[in-house]
Amino acid sequence: MNEQNQLNQETEQSPQALAAGKAKTSPKKNQPNPRKKKQSLLISEIVTQRSASIMHLVGYGLLLLSLFDFVQIIFPPQLKNPVWEFQTIGQLVERVPVPLLALLFIFYRISGEIIEKKQIYLLRFLSWMSLLIGILYLLIIPLGIGNTFRINRANNRQIDDRLSQQNQQLEQLQTQIEGATDAQLQNFIASLNQQGATPQIDNTKEFKQQLLTQLENNQKSLEQQGQNTKKNQKLTLIKNSVKWNLGALVSGFLFIWMWHLTRWVRVRNYE
C-alpha cells in the first residue's frame, strides 16, 4: 500500500520535474551574448577612427585644391584694374565654401584621439592662417565697394563716349541733308536702294524734312538705349557688389570664428 502511494506521488510530480528540467536545459534566448556585444563595440570604434581619418584626408585634399584655385585666380595680378579686382573678389567669395569645409574636416577630432607633435604644428599653422584669411576677407570689403563706384563711372563714361560718336555722325549726316541739292538727294537715294532704282522726288523740302525727322527719331532712340544700358549695368553691378561684399563679411567672420574655436590646438600644454 505504501509502495502504491509513493508511485502515485512520483507520477504526480513527474510533469513538474519535467518542466523544471526543460527550463534548466533550454537556452535563454533574451540573454545577450557578451562576446557579440564586445565585438560590436570594437567594430564601432574602428569605424569611427577610420571615418575620422577619411575626413582628415579629404580635408587636406580640398585645402590643397583650394590653394591651386586661388593661385589661378590671383595670378597674374592686375592691381590697378578695378574690373579685375572686382571680379577677383567675387571669385574668392564664391569659392570660400571649399576651404571652410576643408578646415572643418581637418580640425574634426574624436574623444581620446592622440595627435602627433608634427601634426600639432600643422594644425597650429592652419589655425593662424584662418585668422589671417579672415582678416583679408574683411579688408577686401572697402576695396569691393570702392571698385563698384569706379566701375559704374567707367561704364557710364564708355556709354556716353559711344553715344557722343553716334550723335556726331548723325549731326554730320543732318548737315549734309540740309545742304544737299536735288541731284545729291537722287544719288543718296540710289545708294540706299539695292536695285539702283531712283524714285521721283516731287517736293525736295518735304523729303528733306522726312529725312531730318528720321534722324531725330534715331537720335532719341539711341539716347534711350544708352539710358537703359546704364540702368541695367548699374543694377547688375549693385547686385554683384552686395552679394560679394556681404559674402566677404560672412567669410571673414567664419574664418576668424574658426580660429577662435581652434584655440585648443594653440595651447602649449599640448606639446
Protein backbone atom coordinates (compact mmCIF):
# COMPACT_ATOMS: atom_id res chain seq x y z
CA MET A 1 0.00 0.00 0.00
CA ASN A 2 2.80 2.35 0.83
CA GLU A 3 4.57 1.48 -2.38
CA GLN A 4 1.44 2.33 -4.40
CA ASN A 5 1.11 5.75 -2.72
CA GLN A 6 4.75 6.52 -3.38
CA LEU A 7 4.29 5.59 -7.04
CA ASN A 8 1.30 7.90 -7.32
CA GLN A 9 3.27 10.80 -5.80
CA GLU A 10 6.11 10.30 -8.25
CA THR A 11 3.59 10.19 -11.10
CA GLU A 12 2.04 13.47 -9.94
CA GLN A 13 5.41 15.17 -9.57
CA SER A 14 6.81 13.99 -12.88
CA PRO A 15 5.25 16.80 -15.01
CA GLN A 16 6.68 19.43 -12.67
CA ALA A 17 10.06 17.79 -12.67
CA LEU A 18 9.92 17.54 -16.44
CA ALA A 19 9.11 21.25 -16.77
CA ALA A 20 11.92 22.14 -14.40
CA GLY A 21 14.30 20.00 -16.38
CA LYS A 22 13.29 21.70 -19.62
CA ALA A 23 13.74 25.10 -18.02
CA LYS A 24 17.24 24.17 -16.96
CA THR A 25 18.22 22.72 -20.31
CA SER A 26 16.53 25.34 -22.56
CA PRO A 27 18.83 28.30 -23.54
CA LYS A 28 17.94 31.83 -22.51
CA LYS A 29 17.02 33.45 -25.80
CA ASN A 30 16.75 37.00 -24.46
CA GLN A 31 20.09 36.96 -22.69
CA PRO A 32 22.67 38.96 -24.76
CA ASN A 33 25.83 37.34 -25.83
CA PRO A 34 28.68 39.20 -24.12
CA ARG A 35 31.07 38.18 -26.85
CA LYS A 36 28.90 39.64 -29.62
CA LYS A 37 28.43 42.88 -27.67
CA LYS A 38 32.16 43.26 -27.23
CA GLN A 39 32.79 42.71 -30.94
CA SER A 40 30.11 45.27 -31.87
CA LEU A 41 31.75 47.94 -29.72
CA LEU A 42 35.16 47.11 -31.12
CA ILE A 43 33.95 47.44 -34.72
CA SER A 44 32.21 50.71 -33.90
CA GLU A 45 35.41 52.21 -32.52
CA ILE A 46 37.39 51.11 -35.55
CA VAL A 47 34.82 52.57 -37.93
CA THR A 48 34.83 55.86 -36.03
CA GLN A 49 38.60 56.12 -36.18
CA ARG A 50 38.73 55.28 -39.87
CA SER A 51 35.92 57.71 -40.65
CA ALA A 52 37.82 60.47 -38.86
CA SER A 53 40.95 59.57 -40.82
CA ILE A 54 39.00 59.78 -44.08
CA MET A 55 37.67 63.20 -43.12
CA HIS A 56 41.20 64.43 -42.37
CA LEU A 57 42.48 63.11 -45.69
CA VAL A 58 39.62 64.69 -47.63
CA GLY A 59 40.14 67.94 -45.74
CA TYR A 60 43.80 68.19 -46.68
CA GLY A 61 42.95 67.33 -50.29
CA LEU A 62 40.25 70.00 -50.51
CA LEU A 63 42.57 72.54 -48.93
CA LEU A 64 45.27 71.78 -51.50
CA LEU A 65 42.79 72.06 -54.38
CA SER A 66 41.58 75.39 -52.98
CA LEU A 67 45.14 76.64 -52.91
CA PHE A 68 45.58 75.76 -56.59
CA ASP A 69 42.31 77.51 -57.41
CA PHE A 70 43.21 80.68 -55.51
CA VAL A 71 46.62 80.88 -57.17
CA GLN A 72 44.95 80.63 -60.57
CA ILE A 73 42.51 83.41 -59.65
CA ILE A 74 45.07 85.85 -58.27
CA PHE A 75 47.92 85.42 -60.76
CA PRO A 76 48.78 87.34 -62.82
CA PRO A 77 47.64 90.29 -60.68
CA GLN A 78 46.21 93.48 -62.21
CA LEU A 79 46.08 95.69 -59.15
CA LYS A 80 45.23 98.91 -61.00
CA ASN A 81 42.35 97.38 -62.92
CA PRO A 82 39.08 97.86 -60.98
CA VAL A 83 37.24 95.31 -63.13
CA TRP A 84 39.85 92.63 -62.42
CA GLU A 85 39.86 93.44 -58.71
CA PHE A 86 36.07 93.33 -58.53
CA GLN A 87 35.81 90.02 -60.39
CA THR A 88 38.63 88.54 -58.32
CA ILE A 89 36.80 89.42 -55.11
CA GLY A 90 33.70 87.73 -56.46
CA GLN A 91 35.59 84.56 -57.39
CA LEU A 92 37.30 84.39 -54.00
CA VAL A 93 33.97 84.75 -52.21
CA GLU A 94 32.18 82.19 -54.35
CA ARG A 95 34.91 79.60 -53.76
CA VAL A 96 35.14 80.08 -49.99
CA PRO A 97 32.92 77.06 -49.06
CA VAL A 98 35.62 74.62 -50.18
CA PRO A 99 38.39 75.82 -47.81
CA LEU A 100 35.88 76.17 -44.98
CA LEU A 101 34.80 72.55 -45.41
CA ALA A 102 38.44 71.53 -45.69
CA LEU A 103 39.31 73.17 -42.36
CA LEU A 104 36.21 71.64 -40.78
CA PHE A 105 37.32 68.16 -41.82
CA ILE A 106 40.91 68.77 -40.74
CA PHE A 107 40.08 70.09 -37.27
CA TYR A 108 37.46 67.42 -36.60
CA ARG A 109 38.75 65.20 -33.78
CA ILE A 110 37.22 62.41 -31.73
CA SER A 111 37.47 61.95 -27.99
CA GLY A 112 40.60 60.14 -26.89
CA GLU A 113 42.44 60.71 -30.16
CA ILE A 114 46.20 61.13 -29.90
CA ILE A 115 47.67 63.87 -32.12
CA GLU A 116 51.32 63.67 -33.02
CA LYS A 117 53.62 66.60 -32.38
CA LYS A 118 54.25 67.29 -36.08
CA GLN A 119 50.55 67.34 -36.77
CA ILE A 120 50.01 69.74 -33.88
CA TYR A 121 52.39 72.21 -35.52
CA LEU A 122 50.49 71.89 -38.80
CA LEU A 123 47.16 72.42 -37.07
CA ARG A 124 48.51 75.50 -35.32
CA PHE A 125 49.69 76.89 -38.63
CA LEU A 126 46.26 76.31 -40.19
CA SER A 127 44.59 77.90 -37.17
CA TRP A 128 46.63 81.09 -37.53
CA MET A 129 46.09 81.03 -41.29
CA SER A 130 42.35 81.01 -40.62
CA LEU A 131 42.75 84.26 -38.70
CA LEU A 132 44.87 85.81 -41.44
CA ILE A 133 42.47 84.78 -44.21
CA GLY A 134 39.52 86.07 -42.21
CA ILE A 135 41.17 89.47 -41.80
CA LEU A 136 41.98 89.60 -45.52
CA TYR A 137 38.36 88.89 -46.42
CA LEU A 138 37.27 91.76 -44.19
CA LEU A 139 39.85 94.08 -45.73
CA ILE A 140 38.66 93.48 -49.29
CA ILE A 141 35.20 94.83 -48.46
CA PRO A 142 36.20 98.53 -48.77
CA LEU A 143 38.06 97.67 -51.96
CA GLY A 144 34.97 96.00 -53.38
CA ILE A 145 32.75 98.97 -52.50
CA GLY A 146 35.20 101.45 -54.00
CA ASN A 147 35.57 99.43 -57.18
CA THR A 148 31.78 99.36 -57.52
CA PHE A 149 31.69 103.15 -57.89
CA ARG A 150 34.75 103.17 -60.13
CA ILE A 151 33.31 100.58 -62.48
CA ASN A 152 29.96 102.38 -62.59
CA ARG A 153 31.64 105.64 -63.57
CA ALA A 154 33.74 103.86 -66.19
CA ASN A 155 30.67 102.17 -67.68
CA ASN A 156 28.77 105.46 -67.86
CA ARG A 157 31.75 107.18 -69.44
CA GLN A 158 32.06 104.44 -72.05
CA ILE A 159 28.36 104.64 -72.93
CA ASP A 160 28.50 108.44 -73.12
CA ASP A 161 31.51 108.31 -75.45
CA ARG A 162 29.76 105.86 -77.74
CA LEU A 163 26.61 107.98 -77.80
CA SER A 164 28.68 111.09 -78.50
CA GLN A 165 30.30 109.47 -81.52
CA GLN A 166 26.96 108.30 -82.85
CA ASN A 167 25.42 111.75 -82.33
CA GLN A 168 28.31 113.35 -84.19
CA GLN A 169 27.71 111.02 -87.12
CA LEU A 170 24.02 111.86 -87.11
CA GLU A 171 24.76 115.59 -86.95
CA GLN A 172 27.15 115.34 -89.89
CA LEU A 173 24.52 113.47 -91.87
CA GLN A 174 21.93 116.07 -90.89
CA THR A 175 24.20 118.87 -92.15
CA GLN A 176 24.73 117.06 -95.44
CA ILE A 177 20.99 116.55 -95.93
CA GLU A 178 20.15 120.17 -95.16
CA GLY A 179 22.65 121.46 -97.74
CA ALA A 180 22.02 118.77 -100.36
CA THR A 181 20.69 119.61 -103.83
CA ASP A 182 18.09 117.64 -105.75
CA ALA A 183 20.77 115.75 -107.67
CA GLN A 184 22.61 114.89 -104.49
CA LEU A 185 19.38 113.60 -102.96
CA GLN A 186 18.81 111.41 -106.02
CA ASN A 187 22.31 109.98 -105.68
CA PHE A 188 21.77 109.46 -101.97
CA ILE A 189 18.55 107.53 -102.55
CA ALA A 190 20.19 105.47 -105.28
CA SER A 191 22.99 104.46 -102.93
CA LEU A 192 20.45 103.24 -100.40
CA ASN A 193 18.46 101.30 -102.98
CA GLN A 194 19.98 97.90 -103.68
CA GLN A 195 18.40 97.72 -107.14
CA GLY A 196 19.65 101.16 -108.11
CA ALA A 197 16.16 102.48 -108.96
CA THR A 198 15.86 106.18 -108.15
CA PRO A 199 12.39 107.34 -107.08
CA GLN A 200 10.95 110.58 -108.35
CA ILE A 201 11.04 113.47 -105.88
CA ASP A 202 8.15 115.88 -106.25
CA ASN A 203 8.88 118.04 -103.20
CA THR A 204 12.52 118.31 -102.15
CA LYS A 205 11.81 120.23 -98.96
CA GLU A 206 9.26 117.66 -97.80
CA PHE A 207 11.67 114.83 -98.50
CA LYS A 208 14.44 116.60 -96.59
CA GLN A 209 12.11 117.12 -93.66
CA GLN A 210 11.27 113.42 -93.60
CA LEU A 211 14.95 112.53 -93.52
CA LEU A 212 15.66 115.04 -90.76
CA THR A 213 12.72 113.74 -88.73
CA GLN A 214 14.00 110.20 -89.14
CA LEU A 215 17.45 111.25 -87.97
CA GLU A 216 15.98 113.00 -84.96
CA ASN A 217 13.99 109.88 -84.03
CA ASN A 218 17.12 107.76 -84.37
CA GLN A 219 18.99 110.13 -82.10
CA LYS A 220 16.30 109.92 -79.43
CA SER A 221 16.23 106.14 -79.75
CA LEU A 222 19.99 105.94 -79.25
CA GLU A 223 19.80 108.13 -76.16
CA GLN A 224 17.02 105.97 -74.72
CA GLN A 225 19.02 102.82 -75.39
CA GLY A 226 22.01 104.39 -73.70
CA GLN A 227 20.00 105.23 -70.59
CA ASN A 228 18.56 101.71 -70.45
CA THR A 229 22.03 100.23 -70.81
CA LYS A 230 23.31 102.41 -67.96
CA LYS A 231 20.42 101.37 -65.77
CA ASN A 232 20.82 97.65 -66.44
CA GLN A 233 24.58 97.68 -65.96
CA LYS A 234 24.25 99.64 -62.73
CA LEU A 235 21.62 97.24 -61.38
CA THR A 236 23.76 94.20 -62.21
CA LEU A 237 26.81 95.85 -60.68
CA ILE A 238 25.00 96.70 -57.45
CA LYS A 239 23.58 93.19 -57.11
CA ASN A 240 27.02 91.61 -57.54
CA SER A 241 28.58 94.15 -55.19
CA VAL A 242 26.06 93.49 -52.42
CA LYS A 243 26.35 89.73 -52.86
CA TRP A 244 30.15 89.61 -52.90
CA ASN A 245 30.74 92.19 -50.16
CA LEU A 246 28.28 90.52 -47.81
CA GLY A 247 29.84 87.19 -48.74
CA ALA A 248 33.26 88.56 -47.85
CA LEU A 249 31.89 89.76 -44.50
CA VAL A 250 30.40 86.36 -43.67
CA SER A 251 33.52 84.55 -44.88
CA GLY A 252 35.80 86.71 -42.77
CA PHE A 253 33.65 86.12 -39.70
CA LEU A 254 33.64 82.35 -40.26
CA PHE A 255 37.40 82.14 -40.65
CA ILE A 256 38.02 84.27 -37.55
CA TRP A 257 35.50 82.27 -35.55
CA MET A 258 37.18 79.05 -36.66
CA TRP A 259 40.46 80.46 -35.39
CA HIS A 260 38.75 81.21 -32.08
CA LEU A 261 37.30 77.70 -31.78
CA THR A 262 40.64 76.04 -32.55
CA ARG A 263 42.33 77.63 -29.56
CA TRP A 264 42.80 74.14 -28.11
CA VAL A 265 45.49 73.39 -30.69
CA ARG A 266 47.41 76.59 -29.91
CA VAL A 267 47.70 75.86 -26.18
CA ARG A 268 51.28 74.97 -25.21
CA ASN A 269 50.15 72.16 -22.93
CA TYR A 270 49.52 70.03 -25.99
CA GLU A 271 53.21 69.79 -26.77
